[in-house]
Protein backbone atom coordinates (compact mmCIF):
# COMPACT_ATOMS: atom_id res chain seq x y z
CA UNK A 1 -85.84 -5.32 350.73
CA UNK A 2 -85.23 -1.74 350.67
CA UNK A 3 -87.30 -1.01 347.74
CA UNK A 4 -89.77 -2.21 345.38
CA UNK A 5 -88.72 -3.86 341.97
CA UNK A 6 -89.60 -1.37 339.02
CA UNK A 7 -93.00 -1.57 337.84
CA UNK A 8 -95.45 0.23 335.40
CA UNK A 9 -97.15 2.47 337.93
CA UNK A 10 -98.78 2.49 341.03
CA UNK A 11 -101.67 -0.55 341.94
CA UNK A 12 -104.66 -0.41 341.16
CA UNK A 13 -106.57 0.54 344.10
CA UNK A 14 -110.57 0.28 344.85
CA UNK A 15 -110.72 3.77 344.24
CA UNK A 16 -109.87 3.12 340.55
CA UNK A 17 -112.03 0.01 339.92
CA UNK A 18 -115.06 2.26 341.57
CA UNK A 19 -114.77 4.99 339.10
CA UNK A 20 -114.13 2.13 336.23
CA UNK A 21 -117.70 1.01 337.53
CA UNK A 22 -118.94 4.51 337.45
CA UNK A 23 -117.98 5.23 333.81
CA UNK A 24 -119.29 2.00 333.01
CA UNK A 25 -122.66 2.46 334.39
CA UNK A 26 -122.96 5.70 333.22
CA UNK A 27 -121.95 4.86 329.41
CA UNK A 28 -123.84 1.83 329.25
CA UNK A 29 -126.80 1.59 331.55
CA UNK A 30 -129.86 3.84 332.19
CA UNK A 31 -132.06 4.79 335.18
CA UNK A 32 -135.47 3.46 335.70
CA UNK A 33 -137.42 5.95 333.95
CA UNK A 34 -135.13 8.26 333.19
CA UNK A 35 -132.59 9.06 330.08
CA UNK A 36 -129.63 9.87 332.15
CA UNK A 37 -127.83 9.45 335.54
CA UNK A 38 -127.62 12.51 338.00
CA UNK A 39 -124.64 12.23 340.33
CA UNK A 40 -127.42 11.53 343.10
CA UNK A 41 -129.37 8.60 341.08
CA UNK A 42 -126.46 7.09 339.79
CA UNK A 43 -124.93 7.28 343.72
CA UNK A 44 -127.83 5.56 345.14
CA UNK A 45 -128.09 2.90 342.09
CA UNK A 46 -124.36 1.96 343.14
CA UNK A 47 -124.29 2.69 346.91
CA UNK A 48 -121.62 5.33 346.86
CA UNK A 49 -121.52 9.26 347.47
CA UNK A 50 -122.47 11.85 345.10
CA UNK A 51 -118.91 13.75 345.26
CA UNK A 52 -117.61 10.14 344.13
CA UNK A 53 -119.76 10.01 340.85
CA UNK A 54 -118.84 14.16 340.15
CA UNK A 55 -115.30 13.56 340.40
CA UNK A 56 -115.22 10.43 338.13
CA UNK A 57 -117.30 11.95 335.54
CA UNK A 58 -114.87 15.01 335.97
CA UNK A 59 -111.94 12.95 335.75
CA UNK A 60 -113.37 11.34 332.11
CA UNK A 61 -114.96 14.10 330.69
CA UNK A 62 -118.59 13.22 330.86
CA UNK A 63 -121.42 15.34 331.05
CA UNK A 64 -124.62 13.48 331.35
CA UNK A 65 -126.95 16.14 331.70
CA UNK A 66 -125.60 17.70 328.26
CA UNK A 67 -127.06 16.27 324.75
CA UNK A 68 -126.43 17.81 321.31
CA UNK A 69 -128.79 17.76 318.47
CA UNK A 70 -127.78 16.40 314.77
CA UNK A 71 -129.41 15.94 311.62
CA UNK A 72 -127.64 13.44 308.83
CA UNK A 73 -128.97 14.58 304.99
CA UNK A 74 -130.29 11.65 303.49
CA UNK A 75 -130.42 13.47 299.81
CA UNK A 76 -128.90 11.08 297.42
CA UNK A 77 -127.01 13.99 295.97
CA UNK A 78 -125.71 15.02 298.97
CA UNK A 79 -122.04 15.09 298.29
CA UNK A 80 -122.86 16.52 294.60
CA UNK A 81 -124.65 19.54 296.19
CA UNK A 82 -122.28 20.24 298.86
CA UNK A 83 -119.26 20.25 296.20
CA UNK A 84 -121.37 22.69 294.27
CA UNK A 85 -122.16 25.24 297.20
CA UNK A 86 -118.99 24.93 299.10
CA UNK A 87 -117.15 25.34 295.58
CA UNK A 88 -119.15 28.79 295.24
CA UNK A 89 -118.29 29.77 298.62
CA UNK A 90 -114.19 29.12 298.22
CA UNK A 91 -114.07 29.42 294.92
CA UNK A 92 -116.63 32.24 293.53
CA UNK A 93 -116.65 32.83 289.69
CA UNK A 94 -115.54 35.86 288.21
CA UNK A 95 -118.29 38.77 286.76
CA UNK A 96 -120.68 37.23 289.25
CA UNK A 97 -122.24 37.61 292.61
CA UNK A 98 -123.19 34.72 295.04
CA UNK A 99 -126.10 35.24 296.70
CA UNK A 100 -127.03 33.24 299.90
CA UNK A 101 -130.70 33.33 299.88
CA UNK A 102 -133.58 32.24 302.23
CA UNK A 103 -136.85 33.08 303.92
CA UNK A 104 -137.01 33.22 308.05
CA UNK A 105 -140.92 32.98 308.64
CA UNK A 106 -143.10 33.40 311.11
CA UNK A 107 -141.52 36.23 313.06
CA UNK A 108 -143.89 37.34 315.71
CA UNK A 109 -144.71 40.75 316.68
CA UNK A 110 -144.72 40.21 320.45
CA UNK A 111 -145.85 42.88 322.86
CA UNK A 112 -144.16 42.14 326.48
CA UNK A 113 -146.66 43.23 329.21
CA UNK A 114 -144.56 45.28 331.17
CA UNK A 115 -140.95 46.33 330.74
CA UNK A 116 -138.23 44.52 332.18
CA UNK A 117 -135.20 45.29 334.41
CA UNK A 118 -131.92 46.92 332.77
CA UNK A 119 -128.74 45.37 332.99
CA UNK A 120 -126.28 46.25 335.88
CA UNK A 121 -123.46 44.81 337.57
CA UNK A 122 -123.93 41.46 338.72
CA UNK A 123 -127.06 40.99 337.17
CA UNK A 124 -128.61 40.77 333.68
CA UNK A 125 -130.76 42.48 331.87
CA UNK A 126 -134.47 40.99 331.97
CA UNK A 127 -137.47 40.66 329.82
CA UNK A 128 -141.01 39.03 331.09
CA UNK A 129 -142.16 35.59 329.97
CA UNK A 130 -145.51 37.21 329.16
CA UNK A 131 -146.49 39.03 325.96
CA UNK A 132 -149.44 39.37 323.43
CA UNK A 133 -149.17 38.20 319.76
CA UNK A 134 -149.98 40.88 317.11
CA UNK A 135 -149.26 38.88 314.13
CA UNK A 136 -145.88 37.51 311.94
CA UNK A 137 -144.16 38.76 309.15
CA UNK A 138 -141.58 36.56 306.60
CA UNK A 139 -138.21 38.37 306.16
CA UNK A 140 -136.61 37.34 302.85
CA UNK A 141 -132.93 37.99 302.68
CA UNK A 142 -130.48 37.44 300.07
CA UNK A 143 -126.30 37.70 301.63
CA UNK A 144 -123.69 39.13 299.60
CA UNK A 145 -121.24 36.50 300.36
CA UNK A 146 -118.34 38.83 298.85
CA UNK A 147 -119.05 41.54 300.79
CA UNK A 148 -121.63 40.91 303.87
CA UNK A 149 -124.38 42.91 302.52
CA UNK A 150 -127.80 41.98 302.95
CA UNK A 151 -131.09 42.71 300.33
CA UNK A 152 -134.24 42.33 302.37
CA UNK A 153 -138.17 42.61 301.98
CA UNK A 154 -140.78 41.60 304.48
CA UNK A 155 -143.84 40.14 303.59
CA UNK A 156 -146.81 38.70 305.21
CA UNK A 157 -146.74 35.40 303.66
CA UNK A 158 -144.29 33.10 302.02
CA UNK A 159 -145.61 31.33 298.85
CA UNK A 160 -144.16 31.67 295.34
CA UNK A 161 -145.73 34.76 294.46
CA UNK A 162 -143.88 36.20 297.34
CA UNK A 163 -140.66 34.17 296.48
CA UNK A 164 -141.20 35.91 292.71
CA UNK A 165 -141.36 39.61 294.04
CA UNK A 166 -138.27 38.79 295.90
CA UNK A 167 -136.42 37.70 292.69
CA UNK A 168 -137.57 40.74 291.22
CA UNK A 169 -136.03 43.06 293.90
CA UNK A 170 -133.10 41.22 293.26
CA UNK A 171 -132.78 41.99 289.52
CA UNK A 172 -133.32 45.46 290.27
CA UNK A 173 -131.02 45.93 293.42
CA UNK A 174 -127.76 43.91 291.28
CA UNK A 175 -126.06 45.37 288.16
CA UNK A 176 -127.15 44.16 284.97
CA UNK A 177 -124.03 42.90 283.89
CA UNK A 178 -123.19 39.96 286.54
CA UNK A 179 -124.14 36.56 286.42
CA UNK A 180 -125.90 35.76 289.94
CA UNK A 181 -125.48 32.52 291.61
CA UNK A 182 -128.13 32.06 294.29
CA UNK A 183 -127.79 29.48 297.08
CA UNK A 184 -131.18 28.12 298.05
CA UNK A 185 -132.64 25.20 300.21
CA UNK A 186 -135.51 22.71 299.11
CA UNK A 187 -138.72 24.68 299.93
CA UNK A 188 -141.14 23.97 297.52
CA UNK A 189 -141.71 27.98 296.75
CA UNK A 190 -138.16 27.77 295.33
CA UNK A 191 -139.57 25.05 292.58
CA UNK A 192 -142.81 26.56 291.79
CA UNK A 193 -143.37 26.18 287.82
CA UNK A 194 -144.28 29.90 287.73
CA UNK A 195 -140.65 30.76 289.25
CA UNK A 196 -139.09 28.29 286.72
CA UNK A 197 -141.07 30.29 283.96
CA UNK A 198 -139.48 33.35 285.17
CA UNK A 199 -135.85 31.95 285.61
CA UNK A 200 -136.05 31.12 282.18
CA UNK A 201 -136.44 34.62 281.04
CA UNK A 202 -133.73 35.53 283.51
CA UNK A 203 -130.89 33.60 282.67
CA UNK A 204 -128.41 35.38 284.72
CA UNK A 205 -130.13 33.64 287.70
CA UNK A 206 -128.53 30.41 288.38
CA UNK A 207 -129.52 28.38 291.33
CA UNK A 208 -127.82 26.30 293.24
CA UNK A 209 -130.12 24.11 295.88
CA UNK A 210 -128.06 22.94 299.05
CA UNK A 211 -128.61 19.15 299.81
CA UNK A 212 -131.98 18.24 301.81
CA UNK A 213 -131.92 18.56 305.86
CA UNK A 214 -128.45 20.92 305.46
CA UNK A 215 -129.79 24.23 305.90
CA UNK A 216 -126.67 24.91 308.10
CA UNK A 217 -124.72 25.01 304.27
CA UNK A 218 -126.85 28.28 303.54
CA UNK A 219 -125.02 31.17 304.97
CA UNK A 220 -127.67 33.58 305.37
CA UNK A 221 -128.60 31.46 308.24
CA UNK A 222 -125.85 33.13 310.06
CA UNK A 223 -127.56 36.24 309.12
CA UNK A 224 -130.89 35.31 310.25
CA UNK A 225 -129.13 34.21 313.46
CA UNK A 226 -127.81 37.71 314.51
CA UNK A 227 -130.66 39.78 313.80
CA UNK A 228 -132.60 37.47 316.07
CA UNK A 229 -130.25 37.62 318.76
CA UNK A 230 -129.31 41.48 318.38
CA UNK A 231 -132.64 43.14 317.36
CA UNK A 232 -135.92 40.46 317.67
CA UNK A 233 -135.67 38.34 320.52
CA UNK A 234 -135.47 40.95 323.68
CA UNK A 235 -137.73 43.76 321.97
CA UNK A 236 -141.11 44.31 322.27
CA UNK A 237 -143.70 45.44 319.35
CA UNK A 238 -147.00 46.61 319.39
CA UNK A 239 -147.93 45.86 315.46
CA UNK A 240 -146.47 43.72 312.64
CA UNK A 241 -145.62 47.16 310.73
CA UNK A 242 -143.38 48.03 313.76
CA UNK A 243 -141.68 44.81 313.73
CA UNK A 244 -140.84 44.85 309.98
CA UNK A 245 -139.29 48.49 310.36
CA UNK A 246 -137.53 47.52 313.42
CA UNK A 247 -136.05 44.56 311.03
CA UNK A 248 -135.70 47.34 307.76
CA UNK A 249 -133.53 49.84 310.14
CA UNK A 250 -131.23 46.75 311.43
CA UNK A 251 -130.28 45.90 307.68
CA UNK A 252 -129.81 49.31 307.02
CA UNK A 253 -127.46 50.34 309.58
CA UNK A 254 -126.09 46.18 308.98
CA UNK A 255 -125.27 47.58 305.09
CA UNK A 256 -123.44 50.62 306.11
CA UNK A 257 -120.23 48.83 307.07
CA UNK A 258 -121.13 45.08 306.11
CA UNK A 259 -118.72 42.41 307.18
CA UNK A 260 -118.97 38.70 305.22
CA UNK A 261 -118.68 35.72 306.80
CA UNK A 262 -115.74 33.61 305.72
CA UNK A 263 -116.44 29.96 305.16
CA UNK A 264 -113.39 27.86 305.87
CA UNK A 265 -114.76 24.21 305.64
CA UNK A 266 -113.56 22.42 302.48
CA UNK A 267 -116.07 19.82 300.70
CA UNK A 268 -113.37 17.13 301.88
CA UNK A 269 -113.41 17.67 305.16
CA UNK A 270 -117.31 18.14 305.69
CA UNK A 271 -117.70 14.66 303.67
CA UNK A 272 -115.27 12.98 306.09
CA UNK A 273 -117.51 14.32 309.04
CA UNK A 274 -120.56 13.17 307.52
CA UNK A 275 -118.58 9.63 306.89
CA UNK A 276 -117.95 9.66 310.47
CA UNK A 277 -120.82 10.33 311.91
CA UNK A 278 -122.86 7.94 309.91
CA UNK A 279 -120.76 5.23 311.03
CA UNK A 280 -121.09 6.20 314.42
CA UNK A 281 -124.72 6.40 314.09
CA UNK A 282 -124.79 2.53 312.57
CA UNK A 283 -122.50 1.33 315.42
CA UNK A 284 -124.72 2.99 318.10
CA UNK A 285 -128.21 1.54 316.26
CA UNK A 286 -126.68 -2.22 316.42
């Protein structure tokens, strides 16, 4: 014969079979006393080299050392609340403001025990692990979803009395002719009888609750992430007063040239993703 007859591809090799075995073990088996394989433990288990395991994982996009957290809301009214909140973000009503509101509690005033080293070429800046605690504060914030500006207030506690104080601040800081649509989570203070009584006397405040277990739906969480990363986490504070001053200055600087966060996901896309997640969890639990 001068040549092989036509065929679909090269014949399966021993390496193909071994790669299939590696993938099978990675996805469907666990090592004794551990939650996932490493290249070394799986190589020992299969009696092969760690390089072979590493190559098979790379070829099949497997990264056993990584994991991602998730949370699926169990709110029976999830879809209705989702449609309500996303509708506000994508199609805000006229003559109204949409304010995404929440509290960031237990912000610690941490005083680093020694200064870190500054960043330089080839080396990241450092922050010492050791610190002294000087108390905590709670940041109340209302993010204007239209222009990105923030109304804020720091308080020692986060009871319904502090929430009412924050609502009164919003009342003073916003134009009186505008209806205020507040997106809030299901924290008990937001539904306290005293809060409900105050809202009944101030009908321009319209409250929209996010589903339980769905804080990601509240856009102010994005602002909280920014202020944590850019102002709080790396700094050192000798007192709560110093921490609160830093927060106030950050918000003031932010409001000089605010930029809105743009919500892009439609409610239907989110519902489809949640449906897929629930289906996958159902299959995995069998």
